[in-house]
């Protein structure tokens, strides 16, 4: 399984099929203290709304309540950057998993006070991606 990093996400490919990867992502998120607040089936939504066809793609909106609470106590408007997204998708028959790099995402705020929270969220989400075999 190859790991690839962009400037805003950590990602990897997996030998798991799509459904197994979504289940593994949910399990890994729970192990890191995250719950899934929302699930967006992008494939179904694009088909329904604009008739577009694409391979499976799901967005899991994840939240770690203690960390979210800490961030919201520091900056009430930080909620515009929540929840943290984890995506599972298929491209050219290969399943991929990616998570936002929270340090980059929360870095747009420019608050040194938020940096420790962002670093912890980033580390946890990186472990989520790493856990998907």
C-alpha atoms as a PDB file:
ATOM      1  CA  UNK A   1       0.000   0.000   0.000  1.00  0.00           C
ATOM      2  CA  UNK A   2       1.531   3.242  -1.125  1.00  0.00           C
ATOM      3  CA  UNK A   3       1.318   6.344   0.991  1.00  0.00           C
ATOM      4  CA  UNK A   4       1.128   9.682  -0.737  1.00  0.00           C
ATOM      5  CA  UNK A   5       1.105  13.073   0.862  1.00  0.00           C
ATOM      6  CA  UNK A   6      -0.168  16.306  -0.585  1.00  0.00           C
ATOM      7  CA  UNK A   7       0.202  19.736   0.929  1.00  0.00           C
ATOM      8  CA  UNK A   8      -3.168  19.398   2.667  1.00  0.00           C
ATOM      9  CA  UNK A   9      -3.850  15.680   3.193  1.00  0.00           C
ATOM     10  CA  UNK A  10      -2.276  12.368   4.064  1.00  0.00           C
ATOM     11  CA  UNK A  11      -3.379   9.466   1.904  1.00  0.00           C
ATOM     12  CA  UNK A  12      -2.657   5.936   0.849  1.00  0.00           C
ATOM     13  CA  UNK A  13      -3.857   3.260  -1.469  1.00  0.00           C
ATOM     14  CA  UNK A  14      -5.139  -0.018  -0.086  1.00  0.00           C
ATOM     15  CA  UNK A  15      -5.823  -3.499  -1.363  1.00  0.00           C
ATOM     16  CA  UNK A  16      -9.186  -3.442   0.439  1.00  0.00           C
ATOM     17  CA  UNK A  17     -12.284  -3.048  -1.658  1.00  0.00           C
ATOM     18  CA  UNK A  18     -14.301   0.138  -1.225  1.00  0.00           C
ATOM     19  CA  UNK A  19     -16.815  -1.138   1.341  1.00  0.00           C
ATOM     20  CA  UNK A  20     -14.124  -2.814   3.438  1.00  0.00           C
ATOM     21  CA  UNK A  21     -12.032   0.375   3.355  1.00  0.00           C
ATOM     22  CA  UNK A  22     -15.001   2.483   4.525  1.00  0.00           C
ATOM     23  CA  UNK A  23     -15.602   0.036   7.388  1.00  0.00           C
ATOM     24  CA  UNK A  24     -11.888   0.039   8.265  1.00  0.00           C
ATOM     25  CA  UNK A  25     -11.851   3.845   8.239  1.00  0.00           C
ATOM     26  CA  UNK A  26     -14.799   3.966  10.637  1.00  0.00           C
ATOM     27  CA  UNK A  27     -13.066   1.482  12.957  1.00  0.00           C
ATOM     28  CA  UNK A  28      -9.763   3.377  12.836  1.00  0.00           C
ATOM     29  CA  UNK A  29     -11.531   6.684  13.493  1.00  0.00           C
ATOM     30  CA  UNK A  30     -13.268   5.218  16.543  1.00  0.00           C
ATOM     31  CA  UNK A  31      -9.943   3.883  17.834  1.00  0.00           C
ATOM     32  CA  UNK A  32      -8.584   7.444  17.692  1.00  0.00           C
ATOM     33  CA  UNK A  33     -11.597   8.925  19.503  1.00  0.00           C
ATOM     34  CA  UNK A  34     -13.494  10.197  16.454  1.00  0.00           C
ATOM     35  CA  UNK A  35     -17.133   9.714  15.664  1.00  0.00           C
ATOM     36  CA  UNK A  36     -18.595  10.078  12.194  1.00  0.00           C
ATOM     37  CA  UNK A  37     -21.064  12.957  12.254  1.00  0.00           C
ATOM     38  CA  UNK A  38     -22.021  12.703   8.618  1.00  0.00           C
ATOM     39  CA  UNK A  39     -21.432  10.524   5.604  1.00  0.00           C
ATOM     40  CA  UNK A  40     -21.746  11.904   2.100  1.00  0.00           C
ATOM     41  CA  UNK A  41     -22.037   9.438  -0.770  1.00  0.00           C
ATOM     42  CA  UNK A  42     -20.549  11.651  -3.465  1.00  0.00           C
ATOM     43  CA  UNK A  43     -21.113   9.057  -6.211  1.00  0.00           C
ATOM     44  CA  UNK A  44     -24.858   8.858  -5.465  1.00  0.00           C
ATOM     45  CA  UNK A  45     -25.232  12.604  -4.967  1.00  0.00           C
ATOM     46  CA  UNK A  46     -23.598  13.503  -8.285  1.00  0.00           C
ATOM     47  CA  UNK A  47     -25.658  10.868 -10.081  1.00  0.00           C
ATOM     48  CA  UNK A  48     -28.885  12.186  -8.556  1.00  0.00           C
ATOM     49  CA  UNK A  49     -28.181  15.907  -8.873  1.00  0.00           C
ATOM     50  CA  UNK A  50     -26.407  16.220 -12.225  1.00  0.00           C
ATOM     51  CA  UNK A  51     -26.485  12.772 -13.812  1.00  0.00           C
ATOM     52  CA  UNK A  52     -22.708  12.380 -13.528  1.00  0.00           C
ATOM     53  CA  UNK A  53     -21.196   8.933 -13.137  1.00  0.00           C
ATOM     54  CA  UNK A  54     -18.041   8.304 -11.163  1.00  0.00           C
ATOM     55  CA  UNK A  55     -16.438   5.544  -9.183  1.00  0.00           C
ATOM     56  CA  UNK A  56     -17.398   5.150  -5.492  1.00  0.00           C
ATOM     57  CA  UNK A  57     -16.470   8.118  -3.293  1.00  0.00           C
ATOM     58  CA  UNK A  58     -17.555   8.776   0.285  1.00  0.00           C
ATOM     59  CA  UNK A  59     -16.747  11.631   2.653  1.00  0.00           C
ATOM     60  CA  UNK A  60     -16.799  10.833   6.362  1.00  0.00           C
ATOM     61  CA  UNK A  61     -17.163  13.970   8.487  1.00  0.00           C
ATOM     62  CA  UNK A  62     -15.286  13.008  11.650  1.00  0.00           C
ATOM     63  CA  UNK A  63     -15.207  14.699  15.041  1.00  0.00           C
ATOM     64  CA  UNK A  64     -13.205  14.082  18.199  1.00  0.00           C
ATOM     65  CA  UNK A  65     -15.415  15.844  20.781  1.00  0.00           C
ATOM     66  CA  UNK A  66     -12.718  16.695  23.369  1.00  0.00           C
ATOM     67  CA  UNK A  67     -10.427  18.158  20.717  1.00  0.00           C
ATOM     68  CA  UNK A  68     -13.279  20.001  18.998  1.00  0.00           C
ATOM     69  CA  UNK A  69     -14.324  21.443  22.348  1.00  0.00           C
ATOM     70  CA  UNK A  70     -10.788  22.657  23.059  1.00  0.00           C
ATOM     71  CA  UNK A  71     -10.589  24.336  19.655  1.00  0.00           C
ATOM     72  CA  UNK A  72     -14.040  25.928  19.988  1.00  0.00           C
ATOM     73  CA  UNK A  73     -13.123  27.303  23.416  1.00  0.00           C
ATOM     74  CA  UNK A  74     -10.160  29.062  21.792  1.00  0.00           C
ATOM     75  CA  UNK A  75     -12.047  30.329  18.748  1.00  0.00           C
ATOM     76  CA  UNK A  76     -15.814  30.034  18.327  1.00  0.00           C
ATOM     77  CA  UNK A  77     -15.590  30.532  14.570  1.00  0.00           C
ATOM     78  CA  UNK A  78     -13.287  27.510  14.147  1.00  0.00           C
ATOM     79  CA  UNK A  79     -16.471  25.538  13.538  1.00  0.00           C
ATOM     80  CA  UNK A  80     -16.377  26.659   9.903  1.00  0.00           C
ATOM     81  CA  UNK A  81     -13.393  24.295   9.524  1.00  0.00           C
ATOM     82  CA  UNK A  82     -15.071  21.351  11.254  1.00  0.00           C
ATOM     83  CA  UNK A  83     -15.618  18.421  11.009  1.00  0.00           C
ATOM     84  CA  UNK A  84     -12.388  16.868   9.796  1.00  0.00           C
ATOM     85  CA  UNK A  85     -12.947  14.964   6.579  1.00  0.00           C
ATOM     86  CA  UNK A  86     -11.738  11.502   5.719  1.00  0.00           C
ATOM     87  CA  UNK A  87     -12.442  10.274   2.203  1.00  0.00           C
ATOM     88  CA  UNK A  88     -12.521   6.804   0.734  1.00  0.00           C
ATOM     89  CA  UNK A  89     -12.698   6.560  -3.026  1.00  0.00           C
ATOM     90  CA  UNK A  90     -11.956   4.369  -5.996  1.00  0.00           C
ATOM     91  CA  UNK A  91      -9.916   5.658  -8.902  1.00  0.00           C
ATOM     92  CA  UNK A  92      -9.044   3.449 -11.847  1.00  0.00           C
ATOM     93  CA  UNK A  93     -10.069   0.401  -9.819  1.00  0.00           C
ATOM     94  CA  UNK A  94      -7.785   1.220  -6.861  1.00  0.00           C
ATOM     95  CA  UNK A  95      -9.139   2.146  -3.433  1.00  0.00           C
ATOM     96  CA  UNK A  96      -7.692   5.236  -1.744  1.00  0.00           C
ATOM     97  CA  UNK A  97      -8.085   6.691   1.753  1.00  0.00           C
ATOM     98  CA  UNK A  98      -7.211  10.287   2.603  1.00  0.00           C
ATOM     99  CA  UNK A  99      -7.584  12.583   5.608  1.00  0.00           C
ATOM    100  CA  UNK A 100      -7.194  16.303   5.964  1.00  0.00           C
ATOM    101  CA  UNK A 101      -3.981  17.537   7.560  1.00  0.00           C
ATOM    102  CA  UNK A 102      -5.561  19.463  10.403  1.00  0.00           C
ATOM    103  CA  UNK A 103      -2.384  21.441  11.050  1.00  0.00           C
ATOM    104  CA  UNK A 104      -2.604  22.851   7.529  1.00  0.00           C
ATOM    105  CA  UNK A 105      -6.370  23.381   7.742  1.00  0.00           C
ATOM    106  CA  UNK A 106      -6.273  25.090  11.142  1.00  0.00           C
ATOM    107  CA  UNK A 107      -3.095  26.923  10.152  1.00  0.00           C
ATOM    108  CA  UNK A 108      -5.190  29.318   8.071  1.00  0.00           C
ATOM    109  CA  UNK A 109      -6.398  30.768  11.376  1.00  0.00           C
ATOM    110  CA  UNK A 110      -2.868  31.849  12.300  1.00  0.00           C
ATOM    111  CA  UNK A 111      -3.304  31.118  16.001  1.00  0.00           C
ATOM    112  CA  UNK A 112      -0.340  29.771  17.952  1.00  0.00           C
ATOM    113  CA  UNK A 113      -2.810  28.769  20.668  1.00  0.00           C
ATOM    114  CA  UNK A 114      -4.515  26.315  18.279  1.00  0.00           C
ATOM    115  CA  UNK A 115      -1.284  24.694  17.076  1.00  0.00           C
ATOM    116  CA  UNK A 116      -1.143  21.951  19.752  1.00  0.00           C
ATOM    117  CA  UNK A 117      -4.752  20.918  19.065  1.00  0.00           C
ATOM    118  CA  UNK A 118      -4.127  20.931  15.323  1.00  0.00           C
ATOM    119  CA  UNK A 119      -0.983  18.842  15.751  1.00  0.00           C
ATOM    120  CA  UNK A 120      -2.828  16.271  17.842  1.00  0.00           C
ATOM    121  CA  UNK A 121      -5.703  16.017  15.369  1.00  0.00           C
ATOM    122  CA  UNK A 122      -3.211  15.674  12.498  1.00  0.00           C
ATOM    123  CA  UNK A 123      -1.334  12.889  14.270  1.00  0.00           C
ATOM    124  CA  UNK A 124      -4.536  11.001  15.044  1.00  0.00           C
ATOM    125  CA  UNK A 125      -5.851  11.296  11.497  1.00  0.00           C
ATOM    126  CA  UNK A 126      -2.494  10.177  10.087  1.00  0.00           C
ATOM    127  CA  UNK A 127      -2.733   7.078  12.269  1.00  0.00           C
ATOM    128  CA  UNK A 128      -6.260   6.488  10.926  1.00  0.00           C
ATOM    129  CA  UNK A 129      -4.959   6.499   7.358  1.00  0.00           C
ATOM    130  CA  UNK A 130      -1.980   4.318   8.311  1.00  0.00           C
ATOM    131  CA  UNK A 131      -4.338   1.771   9.912  1.00  0.00           C
ATOM    132  CA  UNK A 132      -6.170   1.081   6.649  1.00  0.00           C
ATOM    133  CA  UNK A 133      -4.474  -2.013   5.267  1.00  0.00           C
END
